[in-house]
Amino acid sequence: MTDPEFLLILSAMETVAVLESFEPLIKSRAQRIDRYSAEDLAQEGREALWLALGRFGGGTRAELVTFAERTVTGAMQDAYSALRFPGVNVDEFKLWRSALKRADGDPDQAEQLMCSGELKWRAKPETAKAVRSAVSPAEPLPEDLSTRAPAEPSEAVRKRTEGRVAWMLLTLGEQQRAVLEMTFGLGKFGRMTDSEIGEALGIPATRVPSVRSKALARLRERW
């Protein structure tokens, strides 16, 4: 059966089979957007495609592929933007990225360009300022974070740390994330010793430093 002859009627197909056929596309696209949070992004893509299939009214195989690519990519980009830059939608992020590129990396000029109307659409000055504030790189992680026992963090330090690394913690594996949260007293955990962490996670206490070191290395690379 040639492609023009392939008329697809979704109501006559197994939805699960359709989703499975697009699994390579979903995984590949998730890796391209952000390899560290690829599995979370892939899940967003699967759910979006599942919900969107009912809107596809039939057509050729190529049309279904195009529909799936747009649906999956859009959902993943929205999820990535929300994960990395809370409060900034994907269109605002794209506008900032376009403005920054045209401004050769000058954030002041990029902010002005967002409001100029020279790009795809014009942002309000307060929106441009808010997007710049959210997207601009934060200061580096402390270099001594993994080389000394952490002191009990003040409330200000706790809020600053949680605000800046919360989204990055989501890119780690469950065990690595838990070790960092327990070590530095983030989230719902108080600061714990390696022995307490090992007991809580069901792993040898001697393994905790290795897990923590790998998690910190990934965070620094991702930062």
Protein backbone atom coordinates (compact mmCIF):
# COMPACT_ATOMS: atom_id res chain seq x y z
CA MET A 1 0.00 0.00 0.00
CA THR A 2 1.57 3.30 -1.10
CA ASP A 3 1.57 6.34 1.14
CA PRO A 4 -1.15 8.32 -0.75
CA GLU A 5 -3.39 5.27 -0.50
CA PHE A 6 -2.86 5.00 3.26
CA LEU A 7 -5.98 6.67 4.69
CA LEU A 8 -5.85 6.51 8.42
CA ILE A 9 -9.00 6.30 10.56
CA LEU A 10 -8.01 6.54 14.20
CA SER A 11 -11.29 5.14 15.50
CA ALA A 12 -10.45 1.87 13.73
CA MET A 13 -6.95 1.55 15.18
CA GLU A 14 -5.55 0.55 18.51
CA THR A 15 -4.44 3.77 20.20
CA VAL A 16 -1.73 1.94 22.11
CA ALA A 17 -0.25 0.64 18.87
CA VAL A 18 -0.17 4.15 17.44
CA LEU A 19 1.60 5.49 20.52
CA GLU A 20 4.13 2.67 20.47
CA SER A 21 4.95 3.40 16.85
CA PHE A 22 5.95 6.95 17.83
CA GLU A 23 8.04 5.94 20.85
CA PRO A 24 11.38 6.33 18.99
CA LEU A 25 10.34 9.81 17.87
CA ILE A 26 9.30 10.78 21.40
CA LYS A 27 12.54 9.58 22.99
CA SER A 28 14.71 11.15 20.31
CA ARG A 29 12.98 14.52 20.58
CA ALA A 30 13.19 14.48 24.38
CA GLN A 31 16.95 13.85 24.20
CA ARG A 32 17.40 16.73 21.76
CA ILE A 33 15.54 19.17 24.00
CA ASP A 34 17.31 18.21 27.24
CA ARG A 35 19.06 14.91 27.82
CA TYR A 36 19.08 15.30 31.61
CA SER A 37 15.31 15.52 31.92
CA ALA A 38 14.59 13.44 28.81
CA GLU A 39 12.44 10.83 30.56
CA ASP A 40 10.21 13.45 32.18
CA LEU A 41 9.89 15.26 28.85
CA ALA A 42 9.14 12.02 27.04
CA GLN A 43 6.29 11.33 29.44
CA GLU A 44 4.87 14.79 28.73
CA GLY A 45 5.08 14.02 25.01
CA ARG A 46 3.32 10.67 25.40
CA GLU A 47 0.48 12.17 27.40
CA ALA A 48 0.06 15.07 24.97
CA LEU A 49 -0.05 12.72 21.97
CA TRP A 50 -2.52 10.43 23.74
CA LEU A 51 -4.88 13.36 24.38
CA ALA A 52 -4.41 14.82 20.90
CA LEU A 53 -5.06 11.70 18.83
CA GLY A 54 -8.79 12.26 19.01
CA ARG A 55 -8.35 15.56 17.17
CA PHE A 56 -6.67 13.92 14.19
CA GLY A 57 -9.39 13.47 11.62
CA GLY A 58 -7.57 11.03 9.34
CA GLY A 59 -5.22 11.41 6.42
CA THR A 60 -1.97 9.99 5.11
CA ARG A 61 0.79 8.46 7.16
CA ALA A 62 2.92 11.55 6.50
CA GLU A 63 0.18 13.80 7.86
CA LEU A 64 -0.07 11.73 11.01
CA VAL A 65 3.71 11.92 11.50
CA THR A 66 3.66 15.70 11.07
CA PHE A 67 0.76 15.98 13.51
CA ALA A 68 2.56 13.82 16.05
CA GLU A 69 5.85 15.71 15.72
CA ARG A 70 4.18 19.07 16.28
CA THR A 71 2.14 17.79 19.22
CA VAL A 72 5.03 16.06 20.96
CA THR A 73 7.56 18.84 20.36
CA GLY A 74 5.19 21.57 21.52
CA ALA A 75 4.30 19.72 24.71
CA MET A 76 7.95 18.99 25.51
CA GLN A 77 9.06 22.56 24.88
CA ASP A 78 6.32 23.87 27.15
CA ALA A 79 7.31 21.37 29.84
CA TYR A 80 11.01 22.22 29.52
CA SER A 81 10.32 25.95 29.74
CA ALA A 82 8.13 25.46 32.80
CA LEU A 83 10.74 23.21 34.41
CA ARG A 84 13.72 25.46 33.81
CA PHE A 85 12.09 28.87 33.98
CA PRO A 86 9.01 28.83 36.25
CA GLY A 87 6.58 31.60 35.35
CA VAL A 88 7.89 32.00 31.78
CA ASN A 89 5.82 30.47 29.00
CA VAL A 90 7.42 28.90 25.96
CA ASP A 91 6.54 31.81 23.63
CA GLU A 92 8.18 34.32 25.97
CA PHE A 93 11.24 32.10 26.22
CA LYS A 94 11.49 31.82 22.42
CA LEU A 95 11.13 35.59 22.04
CA TRP A 96 13.90 36.20 24.58
CA ARG A 97 16.17 33.65 22.90
CA SER A 98 15.58 35.29 19.50
CA ALA A 99 16.20 38.76 20.93
CA LEU A 100 19.39 37.66 22.70
CA LYS A 101 20.71 36.10 19.49
CA ARG A 102 20.04 39.24 17.49
CA ALA A 103 21.65 41.33 20.24
CA ASP A 104 24.82 39.19 20.12
CA GLY A 105 24.33 38.15 23.73
CA ASP A 106 23.76 41.66 25.15
CA PRO A 107 20.91 41.25 27.69
CA ASP A 108 20.16 45.00 27.85
CA GLN A 109 19.73 45.21 24.10
CA ALA A 110 17.78 41.94 24.06
CA GLU A 111 15.32 43.32 26.60
CA GLN A 112 14.79 46.40 24.42
CA LEU A 113 14.33 44.26 21.31
CA MET A 114 11.59 42.26 23.02
CA CYS A 115 9.60 45.47 23.36
CA SER A 116 10.50 46.99 19.97
CA GLY A 117 8.13 45.10 17.72
CA GLU A 118 11.02 44.08 15.45
CA LEU A 119 10.64 40.42 16.35
CA LYS A 120 7.72 38.00 16.04
CA TRP A 121 5.61 39.92 18.55
CA ARG A 122 6.05 42.77 21.00
CA ALA A 123 6.31 42.15 24.72
CA LYS A 124 5.35 44.63 27.40
CA PRO A 125 8.33 46.20 29.23
CA GLU A 126 7.37 44.53 32.49
CA THR A 127 7.13 41.16 30.73
CA ALA A 128 10.53 41.60 29.10
CA LYS A 129 12.10 42.50 32.43
CA ALA A 130 10.49 39.54 34.18
CA VAL A 131 11.58 37.10 31.46
CA ARG A 132 15.14 38.44 31.53
CA SER A 133 15.25 38.08 35.30
CA ALA A 134 13.99 34.49 35.15
CA VAL A 135 16.15 33.32 32.25
CA SER A 136 19.45 35.09 32.95
CA PRO A 137 22.10 32.74 34.41
CA ALA A 138 22.35 32.67 38.17
CA GLU A 139 25.63 32.70 40.04
CA PRO A 140 27.57 29.39 40.06
CA LEU A 141 27.07 26.71 42.65
CA PRO A 142 29.55 27.08 45.53
CA GLU A 143 32.74 25.23 44.66
CA ASP A 144 33.09 23.91 48.21
CA LEU A 145 29.60 22.46 48.33
CA SER A 146 30.84 18.88 48.14
CA THR A 147 34.15 19.27 49.95
CA ARG A 148 33.06 20.15 53.45
CA ALA A 149 30.29 19.21 55.82
CA PRO A 150 27.36 21.57 55.20
CA ALA A 151 26.53 24.07 57.90
CA GLU A 152 22.94 24.46 58.99
CA PRO A 153 21.60 26.83 56.31
CA SER A 154 19.97 30.12 57.25
CA GLU A 155 16.43 30.78 56.05
CA ALA A 156 17.72 33.18 53.39
CA VAL A 157 20.26 30.68 52.09
CA ARG A 158 17.68 27.90 52.15
CA LYS A 159 15.20 29.92 50.07
CA ARG A 160 17.88 31.04 47.62
CA THR A 161 19.24 27.52 47.17
CA GLU A 162 15.83 25.90 46.76
CA GLY A 163 14.75 28.56 44.29
CA ARG A 164 17.80 28.15 42.06
CA VAL A 165 18.34 24.41 42.07
CA ALA A 166 14.81 23.06 42.53
CA TRP A 167 14.28 22.56 38.80
CA MET A 168 17.75 20.99 38.39
CA LEU A 169 17.10 18.47 41.15
CA LEU A 170 14.24 17.16 39.03
CA THR A 171 16.74 16.20 36.32
CA LEU A 172 18.52 13.78 38.66
CA GLY A 173 17.67 10.17 39.35
CA GLU A 174 15.52 9.53 42.39
CA GLN A 175 18.41 8.24 44.53
CA GLN A 176 20.78 11.08 43.63
CA ARG A 177 18.08 13.68 44.26
CA ALA A 178 17.22 12.16 47.64
CA VAL A 179 20.87 12.08 48.74
CA LEU A 180 21.32 15.79 47.96
CA GLU A 181 18.06 16.75 49.62
CA MET A 182 18.97 14.82 52.76
CA THR A 183 22.56 16.08 52.79
CA PHE A 184 21.74 19.76 52.48
CA GLY A 185 18.35 19.82 54.20
CA LEU A 186 16.34 20.67 51.08
CA GLY A 187 12.64 20.13 50.57
CA LYS A 188 10.90 18.06 53.22
CA PHE A 189 14.13 16.60 54.61
CA GLY A 190 16.23 17.91 57.47
CA ARG A 191 20.01 17.68 57.20
CA MET A 192 21.09 14.08 57.69
CA THR A 193 24.36 12.21 58.15
CA ASP A 194 25.60 9.66 55.63
CA SER A 195 24.61 6.88 57.99
CA GLU A 196 21.07 8.24 58.29
CA ILE A 197 20.84 8.72 54.54
CA GLY A 198 22.02 5.18 53.87
CA GLU A 199 19.50 3.78 56.33
CA ALA A 200 16.67 5.85 54.86
CA LEU A 201 17.47 4.79 51.28
CA GLY A 202 18.42 1.22 52.05
CA ILE A 203 21.97 1.52 50.76
CA PRO A 204 25.37 1.18 52.52
CA ALA A 205 26.50 4.41 54.18
CA THR A 206 29.83 4.03 52.39
CA ARG A 207 28.04 4.41 49.05
CA VAL A 208 26.43 7.75 49.91
CA PRO A 209 29.52 9.93 49.19
CA SER A 210 29.86 8.40 45.72
CA VAL A 211 26.19 9.02 44.90
CA ARG A 212 26.47 12.59 46.20
CA SER A 213 29.65 13.28 44.21
CA LYS A 214 28.07 12.10 40.95
CA ALA A 215 24.91 14.12 41.62
CA LEU A 216 26.88 17.30 42.30
CA ALA A 217 28.98 16.78 39.18
CA ARG A 218 25.84 16.47 37.09
CA LEU A 219 24.32 19.57 38.67
CA ARG A 220 27.43 21.64 37.98
CA GLU A 221 27.58 20.44 34.38
CA ARG A 222 23.86 21.16 33.95
CA TRP A 223 24.21 24.61 35.57
